[in-house]
PDB file of all heavy atoms in Angstrom:
ATOM      1  N   GLY A   1       0.817  -1.204   0.000  1.00  0.00           N
ATOM      2  CA  GLY A   1       0.000   0.000   0.000  1.00  0.00           C
ATOM      3  C   GLY A   1       0.848   1.250   0.000  1.00  0.00           C
ATOM      4  O   GLY A   1       1.993   1.245   0.462  1.00  0.00           O
ATOM      5  N   ARG A   2       0.278   2.349  -0.544  1.00  0.00           N
ATOM      6  CA  ARG A   2       0.996   3.623  -0.602  1.00  0.00           C
ATOM      7  C   ARG A   2       0.064   4.733  -0.114  1.00  0.00           C
ATOM      8  O   ARG A   2      -1.077   4.848  -0.579  1.00  0.00           O
ATOM      9  CB  ARG A   2       1.462   3.916  -2.039  1.00  0.00           C
ATOM     10  CG  ARG A   2       2.650   3.060  -2.461  1.00  0.00           C
ATOM     11  CD  ARG A   2       2.769   2.961  -3.968  1.00  0.00           C
ATOM     12  NE  ARG A   2       3.053   4.245  -4.618  1.00  0.00           N
ATOM     13  CZ  ARG A   2       4.290   4.718  -4.832  1.00  0.00           C
ATOM     14  NH1 ARG A   2       5.338   4.040  -4.427  1.00  0.00           N
ATOM     15  NH2 ARG A   2       4.457   5.861  -5.454  1.00  0.00           N
ATOM     16  N   ILE A   3       0.575   5.535   0.803  1.00  0.00           N
ATOM     17  CA  ILE A   3      -0.198   6.621   1.408  1.00  0.00           C
ATOM     18  C   ILE A   3       0.601   7.911   1.333  1.00  0.00           C
ATOM     19  O   ILE A   3       1.802   7.932   1.633  1.00  0.00           O
ATOM     20  CB  ILE A   3      -0.518   6.322   2.892  1.00  0.00           C
ATOM     21  CG1 ILE A   3      -1.449   5.121   3.020  1.00  0.00           C
ATOM     22  CG2 ILE A   3      -1.138   7.537   3.575  1.00  0.00           C
ATOM     23  CD1 ILE A   3      -1.694   4.686   4.460  1.00  0.00           C
ATOM     24  N   VAL A   4      -0.058   8.996   0.942  1.00  0.00           N
ATOM     25  CA  VAL A   4       0.522  10.329   1.080  1.00  0.00           C
ATOM     26  C   VAL A   4      -0.022  10.925   2.370  1.00  0.00           C
ATOM     27  O   VAL A   4      -1.241  11.025   2.549  1.00  0.00           O
ATOM     28  CB  VAL A   4       0.168  11.233  -0.123  1.00  0.00           C
ATOM     29  CG1 VAL A   4       0.581  12.676   0.169  1.00  0.00           C
ATOM     30  CG2 VAL A   4       0.867  10.733  -1.376  1.00  0.00           C
ATOM     31  N   PHE A   5       0.878  11.295   3.268  1.00  0.00           N
ATOM     32  CA  PHE A   5       0.537  11.868   4.566  1.00  0.00           C
ATOM     33  C   PHE A   5       0.843  13.361   4.486  1.00  0.00           C
ATOM     34  O   PHE A   5       1.996  13.770   4.518  1.00  0.00           O
ATOM     35  CB  PHE A   5       1.361  11.193   5.657  1.00  0.00           C
ATOM     36  CG  PHE A   5       0.995  11.568   7.061  1.00  0.00           C
ATOM     37  CD1 PHE A   5      -0.307  11.849   7.430  1.00  0.00           C
ATOM     38  CD2 PHE A   5       1.973  11.626   8.043  1.00  0.00           C
ATOM     39  CE1 PHE A   5      -0.645  12.183   8.736  1.00  0.00           C
ATOM     40  CE2 PHE A   5       1.659  11.944   9.361  1.00  0.00           C
ATOM     41  CZ  PHE A   5       0.347  12.223   9.705  1.00  0.00           C
ATOM     42  N   ALA A   6      -0.203  14.175   4.335  1.00  0.00           N
ATOM     43  CA  ALA A   6      -0.035  15.608   4.084  1.00  0.00           C
ATOM     44  C   ALA A   6      -0.503  16.413   5.286  1.00  0.00           C
ATOM     45  O   ALA A   6      -1.560  16.129   5.860  1.00  0.00           O
ATOM     46  CB  ALA A   6      -0.821  16.022   2.846  1.00  0.00           C
ATOM     47  N   LEU A   7       0.282  17.431   5.639  1.00  0.00           N
ATOM     48  CA  LEU A   7      -0.040  18.238   6.809  1.00  0.00           C
ATOM     49  C   LEU A   7       0.172  19.718   6.532  1.00  0.00           C
ATOM     50  O   LEU A   7       1.085  20.117   5.805  1.00  0.00           O
ATOM     51  CB  LEU A   7       0.826  17.840   8.012  1.00  0.00           C
ATOM     52  CG  LEU A   7       0.683  16.418   8.526  1.00  0.00           C
ATOM     53  CD1 LEU A   7       1.768  15.539   7.920  1.00  0.00           C
ATOM     54  CD2 LEU A   7       0.780  16.378  10.042  1.00  0.00           C
ATOM     55  N   ASP A   8      -0.682  20.505   7.132  1.00  0.00           N
ATOM     56  CA  ASP A   8      -0.546  21.956   7.168  1.00  0.00           C
ATOM     57  C   ASP A   8       0.589  22.272   8.146  1.00  0.00           C
ATOM     58  O   ASP A   8       0.524  21.916   9.319  1.00  0.00           O
ATOM     59  CB  ASP A   8      -1.876  22.554   7.652  1.00  0.00           C
ATOM     60  CG  ASP A   8      -1.865  24.071   7.750  1.00  0.00           C
ATOM     61  OD1 ASP A   8      -0.771  24.662   7.823  1.00  0.00           O
ATOM     62  OD2 ASP A   8      -2.954  24.662   7.785  1.00  0.00           O
ATOM     63  N   ALA A   9       1.647  22.926   7.657  1.00  0.00           N
ATOM     64  CA  ALA A   9       2.788  23.286   8.507  1.00  0.00           C
ATOM     65  C   ALA A   9       2.896  24.793   8.668  1.00  0.00           C
ATOM     66  O   ALA A   9       3.994  25.340   8.803  1.00  0.00           O
ATOM     67  CB  ALA A   9       4.086  22.724   7.926  1.00  0.00           C
ATOM     68  N   THR A  10       1.749  25.490   8.636  1.00  0.00           N
ATOM     69  CA  THR A  10       1.768  26.917   8.932  1.00  0.00           C
ATOM     70  C   THR A  10       1.902  27.115  10.437  1.00  0.00           C
ATOM     71  O   THR A  10       1.752  26.179  11.223  1.00  0.00           O
ATOM     72  CB  THR A  10       0.503  27.609   8.391  1.00  0.00           C
ATOM     73  OG1 THR A  10      -0.660  26.937   8.864  1.00  0.00           O
ATOM     74  CG2 THR A  10       0.498  27.581   6.865  1.00  0.00           C
ATOM     75  N   ALA A  11       2.185  28.341  10.856  1.00  0.00           N
ATOM     76  CA  ALA A  11       2.665  28.616  12.206  1.00  0.00           C
ATOM     77  C   ALA A  11       1.787  28.067  13.328  1.00  0.00           C
ATOM     78  O   ALA A  11       2.291  27.574  14.343  1.00  0.00           O
ATOM     79  CB  ALA A  11       2.845  30.121  12.381  1.00  0.00           C
ATOM     80  N   SER A  12       0.470  28.123  13.179  1.00  0.00           N
ATOM     81  CA  SER A  12      -0.430  27.704  14.247  1.00  0.00           C
ATOM     82  C   SER A  12      -0.389  26.208  14.523  1.00  0.00           C
ATOM     83  O   SER A  12      -0.933  25.735  15.523  1.00  0.00           O
ATOM     84  CB  SER A  12      -1.873  28.100  13.905  1.00  0.00           C
ATOM     85  OG  SER A  12      -2.310  27.422  12.732  1.00  0.00           O
ATOM     86  N   ARG A  13       0.279  25.466  13.653  1.00  0.00           N
ATOM     87  CA  ARG A  13       0.213  24.004  13.716  1.00  0.00           C
ATOM     88  C   ARG A  13       1.398  23.353  14.411  1.00  0.00           C
ATOM     89  O   ARG A  13       1.447  22.136  14.524  1.00  0.00           O
ATOM     90  CB  ARG A  13       0.132  23.469  12.288  1.00  0.00           C
ATOM     91  CG  ARG A  13      -1.093  23.902  11.529  1.00  0.00           C
ATOM     92  CD  ARG A  13      -2.201  22.890  11.609  1.00  0.00           C
ATOM     93  NE  ARG A  13      -1.664  21.591  11.283  1.00  0.00           N
ATOM     94  CZ  ARG A  13      -1.866  20.479  11.991  1.00  0.00           C
ATOM     95  NH1 ARG A  13      -2.600  20.514  13.065  1.00  0.00           N
ATOM     96  NH2 ARG A  13      -1.324  19.340  11.616  1.00  0.00           N
ATOM     97  N   GLN A  14       2.363  24.109  14.928  1.00  0.00           N
ATOM     98  CA  GLN A  14       3.582  23.505  15.470  1.00  0.00           C
ATOM     99  C   GLN A  14       3.327  22.470  16.570  1.00  0.00           C
ATOM    100  O   GLN A  14       3.883  21.369  16.520  1.00  0.00           O
ATOM    101  CB  GLN A  14       4.539  24.581  15.987  1.00  0.00           C
ATOM    102  CG  GLN A  14       5.910  24.045  16.388  1.00  0.00           C
ATOM    103  CD  GLN A  14       6.719  23.525  15.199  1.00  0.00           C
ATOM    104  OE1 GLN A  14       6.997  24.264  14.266  1.00  0.00           O
ATOM    105  NE2 GLN A  14       7.088  22.245  15.226  1.00  0.00           N
ATOM    106  N   PRO A  15       2.499  22.762  17.586  1.00  0.00           N
ATOM    107  CA  PRO A  15       2.290  21.748  18.639  1.00  0.00           C
ATOM    108  C   PRO A  15       1.728  20.438  18.096  1.00  0.00           C
ATOM    109  O   PRO A  15       2.171  19.349  18.476  1.00  0.00           O
ATOM    110  CB  PRO A  15       1.300  22.428  19.596  1.00  0.00           C
ATOM    111  CG  PRO A  15       1.501  23.890  19.362  1.00  0.00           C
ATOM    112  CD  PRO A  15       1.795  24.016  17.899  1.00  0.00           C
ATOM    113  N   ASN A  16       0.761  20.525  17.193  1.00  0.00           N
ATOM    114  CA  ASN A  16       0.168  19.315  16.642  1.00  0.00           C
ATOM    115  C   ASN A  16       1.074  18.643  15.618  1.00  0.00           C
ATOM    116  O   ASN A  16       0.957  17.442  15.374  1.00  0.00           O
ATOM    117  CB  ASN A  16      -1.190  19.630  16.028  1.00  0.00           C
ATOM    118  CG  ASN A  16      -2.238  19.914  17.083  1.00  0.00           C
ATOM    119  OD1 ASN A  16      -2.220  19.323  18.156  1.00  0.00           O
ATOM    120  ND2 ASN A  16      -3.146  20.826  16.801  1.00  0.00           N
ATOM    121  N   TRP A  17       1.952  19.410  14.999  1.00  0.00           N
ATOM    122  CA  TRP A  17       2.939  18.809  14.096  1.00  0.00           C
ATOM    123  C   TRP A  17       3.864  17.902  14.897  1.00  0.00           C
ATOM    124  O   TRP A  17       4.147  16.770  14.504  1.00  0.00           O
ATOM    125  CB  TRP A  17       3.757  19.898  13.401  1.00  0.00           C
ATOM    126  CG  TRP A  17       4.814  19.340  12.497  1.00  0.00           C
ATOM    127  CD1 TRP A  17       6.051  18.872  12.848  1.00  0.00           C
ATOM    128  CD2 TRP A  17       4.708  19.148  11.086  1.00  0.00           C
ATOM    129  NE1 TRP A  17       6.718  18.421  11.746  1.00  0.00           N
ATOM    130  CE2 TRP A  17       5.924  18.577  10.659  1.00  0.00           C
ATOM    131  CE3 TRP A  17       3.712  19.424  10.148  1.00  0.00           C
ATOM    132  CZ2 TRP A  17       6.170  18.260   9.315  1.00  0.00           C
ATOM    133  CZ3 TRP A  17       3.949  19.112   8.815  1.00  0.00           C
ATOM    134  CH2 TRP A  17       5.165  18.536   8.410  1.00  0.00           C
ATOM    135  N   ASP A  18       4.346  18.387  16.032  1.00  0.00           N
ATOM    136  CA  ASP A  18       5.237  17.583  16.870  1.00  0.00           C
ATOM    137  C   ASP A  18       4.540  16.302  17.326  1.00  0.00           C
ATOM    138  O   ASP A  18       5.161  15.237  17.388  1.00  0.00           O
ATOM    139  CB  ASP A  18       5.692  18.404  18.075  1.00  0.00           C
ATOM    140  CG  ASP A  18       6.542  19.603  17.681  1.00  0.00           C
ATOM    141  OD1 ASP A  18       7.141  19.572  16.579  1.00  0.00           O
ATOM    142  OD2 ASP A  18       6.603  20.567  18.453  1.00  0.00           O
ATOM    143  N   MET A  19       3.271  16.408  17.659  1.00  0.00           N
ATOM    144  CA  MET A  19       2.500  15.237  18.066  1.00  0.00           C
ATOM    145  C   MET A  19       2.412  14.231  16.927  1.00  0.00           C
ATOM    146  O   MET A  19       2.659  13.033  17.106  1.00  0.00           O
ATOM    147  CB  MET A  19       1.087  15.658  18.487  1.00  0.00           C
ATOM    148  CG  MET A  19       0.157  14.501  18.802  1.00  0.00           C
ATOM    149  SD  MET A  19      -1.552  15.040  19.040  1.00  0.00           S
ATOM    150  CE  MET A  19      -2.027  15.474  17.359  1.00  0.00           C
ATOM    151  N   ALA A  20       2.086  14.716  15.731  1.00  0.00           N
ATOM    152  CA  ALA A  20       1.936  13.828  14.578  1.00  0.00           C
ATOM    153  C   ALA A  20       3.251  13.143  14.218  1.00  0.00           C
ATOM    154  O   ALA A  20       3.254  12.005  13.732  1.00  0.00           O
ATOM    155  CB  ALA A  20       1.398  14.604  13.387  1.00  0.00           C
ATOM    156  N   ALA A  21       4.367  13.814  14.454  1.00  0.00           N
ATOM    157  CA  ALA A  21       5.671  13.239  14.132  1.00  0.00           C
ATOM    158  C   ALA A  21       5.908  11.941  14.889  1.00  0.00           C
ATOM    159  O   ALA A  21       6.558  11.017  14.391  1.00  0.00           O
ATOM    160  CB  ALA A  21       6.776  14.241  14.450  1.00  0.00           C
ATOM    161  N   HIS A  22       5.387  11.851  16.090  1.00  0.00           N
ATOM    162  CA  HIS A  22       5.563  10.641  16.886  1.00  0.00           C
ATOM    163  C   HIS A  22       4.460   9.619  16.614  1.00  0.00           C
ATOM    164  O   HIS A  22       4.702   8.413  16.600  1.00  0.00           O
ATOM    165  CB  HIS A  22       5.593  11.003  18.370  1.00  0.00           C
ATOM    166  CG  HIS A  22       6.769  11.855  18.744  1.00  0.00           C
ATOM    167  ND1 HIS A  22       8.030  11.327  18.934  1.00  0.00           N
ATOM    168  CD2 HIS A  22       6.893  13.188  18.940  1.00  0.00           C
ATOM    169  CE1 HIS A  22       8.875  12.300  19.237  1.00  0.00           C
ATOM    170  NE2 HIS A  22       8.208  13.439  19.251  1.00  0.00           N
ATOM    171  N   ILE A  23       3.254  10.077  16.374  1.00  0.00           N
ATOM    172  CA  ILE A  23       2.118   9.180  16.205  1.00  0.00           C
ATOM    173  C   ILE A  23       2.143   8.446  14.869  1.00  0.00           C
ATOM    174  O   ILE A  23       1.584   7.350  14.746  1.00  0.00           O
ATOM    175  CB  ILE A  23       0.802   9.974  16.369  1.00  0.00           C
ATOM    176  CG1 ILE A  23       0.645  10.393  17.824  1.00  0.00           C
ATOM    177  CG2 ILE A  23      -0.403   9.175  15.917  1.00  0.00           C
ATOM    178  CD1 ILE A  23      -0.534  11.304  18.063  1.00  0.00           C
ATOM    179  N   GLN A  24       2.810   9.001  13.852  1.00  0.00           N
ATOM    180  CA  GLN A  24       2.795   8.377  12.529  1.00  0.00           C
ATOM    181  C   GLN A  24       3.266   6.930  12.541  1.00  0.00           C
ATOM    182  O   GLN A  24       2.923   6.145  11.647  1.00  0.00           O
ATOM    183  CB  GLN A  24       3.622   9.206  11.542  1.00  0.00           C
ATOM    184  CG  GLN A  24       5.044   9.504  11.981  1.00  0.00           C
ATOM    185  CD  GLN A  24       6.034   8.373  11.793  1.00  0.00           C
ATOM    186  OE1 GLN A  24       5.823   7.489  10.982  1.00  0.00           O
ATOM    187  NE2 GLN A  24       7.109   8.390  12.553  1.00  0.00           N
ATOM    188  N   ALA A  25       4.013   6.537  13.554  1.00  0.00           N
ATOM    189  CA  ALA A  25       4.488   5.152  13.638  1.00  0.00           C
ATOM    190  C   ALA A  25       3.334   4.162  13.673  1.00  0.00           C
ATOM    191  O   ALA A  25       3.499   2.986  13.304  1.00  0.00           O
ATOM    192  CB  ALA A  25       5.362   4.971  14.884  1.00  0.00           C
ATOM    193  N   GLU A  26       2.168   4.623  14.109  1.00  0.00           N
ATOM    194  CA  GLU A  26       1.003   3.745  14.183  1.00  0.00           C
ATOM    195  C   GLU A  26       0.658   3.153  12.820  1.00  0.00           C
ATOM    196  O   GLU A  26       0.167   2.019  12.733  1.00  0.00           O
ATOM    197  CB  GLU A  26      -0.194   4.524  14.730  1.00  0.00           C
ATOM    198  CG  GLU A  26      -1.444   3.696  14.954  1.00  0.00           C
ATOM    199  CD  GLU A  26      -1.268   2.638  16.028  1.00  0.00           C
ATOM    200  OE1 GLU A  26      -0.553   2.898  17.021  1.00  0.00           O
ATOM    201  OE2 GLU A  26      -1.848   1.540  15.866  1.00  0.00           O
ATOM    202  N   MET A  27       0.903   3.897  11.755  1.00  0.00           N
ATOM    203  CA  MET A  27       0.587   3.387  10.425  1.00  0.00           C
ATOM    204  C   MET A  27       1.422   2.162  10.085  1.00  0.00           C
ATOM    205  O   MET A  27       0.922   1.174   9.550  1.00  0.00           O
ATOM    206  CB  MET A  27       0.780   4.485   9.374  1.00  0.00           C
ATOM    207  CG  MET A  27      -0.276   5.571   9.426  1.00  0.00           C
ATOM    208  SD  MET A  27      -0.149   6.779   8.075  1.00  0.00           S
ATOM    209  CE  MET A  27       1.193   7.801   8.677  1.00  0.00           C
ATOM    210  N   PHE A  28       2.702   2.234  10.395  1.00  0.00           N
ATOM    211  CA  PHE A  28       3.583   1.102  10.105  1.00  0.00           C
ATOM    212  C   PHE A  28       3.312  -0.065  11.049  1.00  0.00           C
ATOM    213  O   PHE A  28       3.316  -1.224  10.631  1.00  0.00           O
ATOM    214  CB  PHE A  28       5.044   1.542  10.225  1.00  0.00           C
ATOM    215  CG  PHE A  28       5.449   2.583   9.221  1.00  0.00           C
ATOM    216  CD1 PHE A  28       5.468   3.932   9.555  1.00  0.00           C
ATOM    217  CD2 PHE A  28       5.814   2.225   7.926  1.00  0.00           C
ATOM    218  CE1 PHE A  28       5.842   4.898   8.633  1.00  0.00           C
ATOM    219  CE2 PHE A  28       6.195   3.182   6.993  1.00  0.00           C
ATOM    220  CZ  PHE A  28       6.208   4.524   7.354  1.00  0.00           C
ATOM    221  N   ASP A  29       3.078   0.238  12.319  1.00  0.00           N
ATOM    222  CA  ASP A  29       2.818  -0.825  13.292  1.00  0.00           C
ATOM    223  C   ASP A  29       1.553  -1.604  12.949  1.00  0.00           C
ATOM    224  O   ASP A  29       1.495  -2.823  13.109  1.00  0.00           O
ATOM    225  CB  ASP A  29       2.687  -0.230  14.702  1.00  0.00           C
ATOM    226  CG  ASP A  29       3.987   0.342  15.225  1.00  0.00           C
ATOM    227  OD1 ASP A  29       5.057  -0.002  14.665  1.00  0.00           O
ATOM    228  OD2 ASP A  29       3.948   1.154  16.172  1.00  0.00           O
ATOM    229  N   ALA A  30       0.527  -0.886  12.487  1.00  0.00           N
ATOM    230  CA  ALA A  30      -0.765  -1.524  12.236  1.00  0.00           C
ATOM    231  C   ALA A  30      -0.696  -2.582  11.148  1.00  0.00           C
ATOM    232  O   ALA A  30      -1.477  -3.538  11.157  1.00  0.00           O
ATOM    233  CB  ALA A  30      -1.802  -0.470  11.867  1.00  0.00           C
ATOM    234  N   VAL A  31       0.230  -2.441  10.211  1.00  0.00           N
ATOM    235  CA  VAL A  31       0.281  -3.365   9.064  1.00  0.00           C
ATOM    236  C   VAL A  31       1.532  -4.236   9.061  1.00  0.00           C
ATOM    237  O   VAL A  31       1.778  -4.941   8.089  1.00  0.00           O
ATOM    238  CB  VAL A  31       0.192  -2.582   7.736  1.00  0.00           C
ATOM    239  CG1 VAL A  31      -1.095  -1.791   7.662  1.00  0.00           C
ATOM    240  CG2 VAL A  31       1.396  -1.651   7.566  1.00  0.00           C
ATOM    241  N   SER A  32       2.287  -4.213  10.140  1.00  0.00           N
ATOM    242  CA  SER A  32       3.575  -4.906  10.155  1.00  0.00           C
ATOM    243  C   SER A  32       3.450  -6.406   9.901  1.00  0.00           C
ATOM    244  O   SER A  32       4.374  -7.033   9.372  1.00  0.00           O
ATOM    245  CB  SER A  32       4.288  -4.666  11.495  1.00  0.00           C
ATOM    246  OG  SER A  32       3.498  -5.148  12.568  1.00  0.00           O
ATOM    247  N   LYS A  33       2.296  -7.003  10.252  1.00  0.00           N
ATOM    248  CA  LYS A  33       2.128  -8.442  10.095  1.00  0.00           C
ATOM    249  C   LYS A  33       1.380  -8.837   8.818  1.00  0.00           C
ATOM    250  O   LYS A  33       1.266 -10.026   8.512  1.00  0.00           O
ATOM    251  CB  LYS A  33       1.398  -9.015  11.309  1.00  0.00           C
ATOM    252  CG  LYS A  33       2.180  -8.888  12.605  1.00  0.00           C
ATOM    253  CD  LYS A  33       1.405  -9.493  13.769  1.00  0.00           C
ATOM    254  CE  LYS A  33       2.195  -9.360  15.063  1.00  0.00           C
ATOM    255  NZ  LYS A  33       1.450  -9.935  16.228  1.00  0.00           N
ATOM    256  N   ILE A  34       0.863  -7.853   8.094  1.00  0.00           N
ATOM    257  CA  ILE A  34       0.073  -8.205   6.912  1.00  0.00           C
ATOM    258  C   ILE A  34       0.645  -7.653   5.609  1.00  0.00           C
ATOM    259  O   ILE A  34       0.163  -7.994   4.526  1.00  0.00           O
ATOM    260  CB  ILE A  34      -1.393  -7.732   7.060  1.00  0.00           C
ATOM    261  CG1 ILE A  34      -1.466  -6.207   7.245  1.00  0.00           C
ATOM    262  CG2 ILE A  34      -2.074  -8.440   8.195  1.00  0.00           C
ATOM    263  CD1 ILE A  34      -2.900  -5.679   7.271  1.00  0.00           C
ATOM    264  N   GLY A  35       1.654  -6.823   5.670  1.00  0.00           N
ATOM    265  CA  GLY A  35       2.230  -6.292   4.440  1.00  0.00           C
ATOM    266  C   GLY A  35       3.089  -5.072   4.702  1.00  0.00           C
ATOM    267  O   GLY A  35       3.222  -4.621   5.836  1.00  0.00           O
ATOM    268  N   THR A  36       3.677  -4.545   3.634  1.00  0.00           N
ATOM    269  CA  THR A  36       4.520  -3.363   3.741  1.00  0.00           C
ATOM    270  C   THR A  36       3.761  -2.119   3.293  1.00  0.00           C
ATOM    271  O   THR A  36       2.815  -2.195   2.511  1.00  0.00           O
ATOM    272  CB  THR A  36       5.784  -3.520   2.883  1.00  0.00           C
ATOM    273  OG1 THR A  36       5.403  -3.825   1.539  1.00  0.00           O
ATOM    274  CG2 THR A  36       6.680  -4.603   3.426  1.00  0.00           C
ATOM    275  N   LEU A  37       4.218  -0.985   3.791  1.00  0.00           N
ATOM    276  CA  LEU A  37       3.547   0.282   3.517  1.00  0.00           C
ATOM    277  C   LEU A  37       4.582   1.334   3.160  1.00  0.00           C
ATOM    278  O   LEU A  37       5.605   1.475   3.845  1.00  0.00           O
ATOM    279  CB  LEU A  37       2.771   0.720   4.768  1.00  0.00           C
ATOM    280  CG  LEU A  37       1.909   1.970   4.664  1.00  0.00           C
ATOM    281  CD1 LEU A  37       0.717   1.730   3.742  1.00  0.00           C
ATOM    282  CD2 LEU A  37       1.398   2.368   6.063  1.00  0.00           C
TER     283      LEU A  37
END
């Protein structure tokens, strides 16, 4: 599977950008046993 992960990186988004940087691992973890992403 192929996913484009797009985010608004304008100034108001910095706190949530930092959060998303760590949470994105969930995408890879969720499919680790059924395929590559």
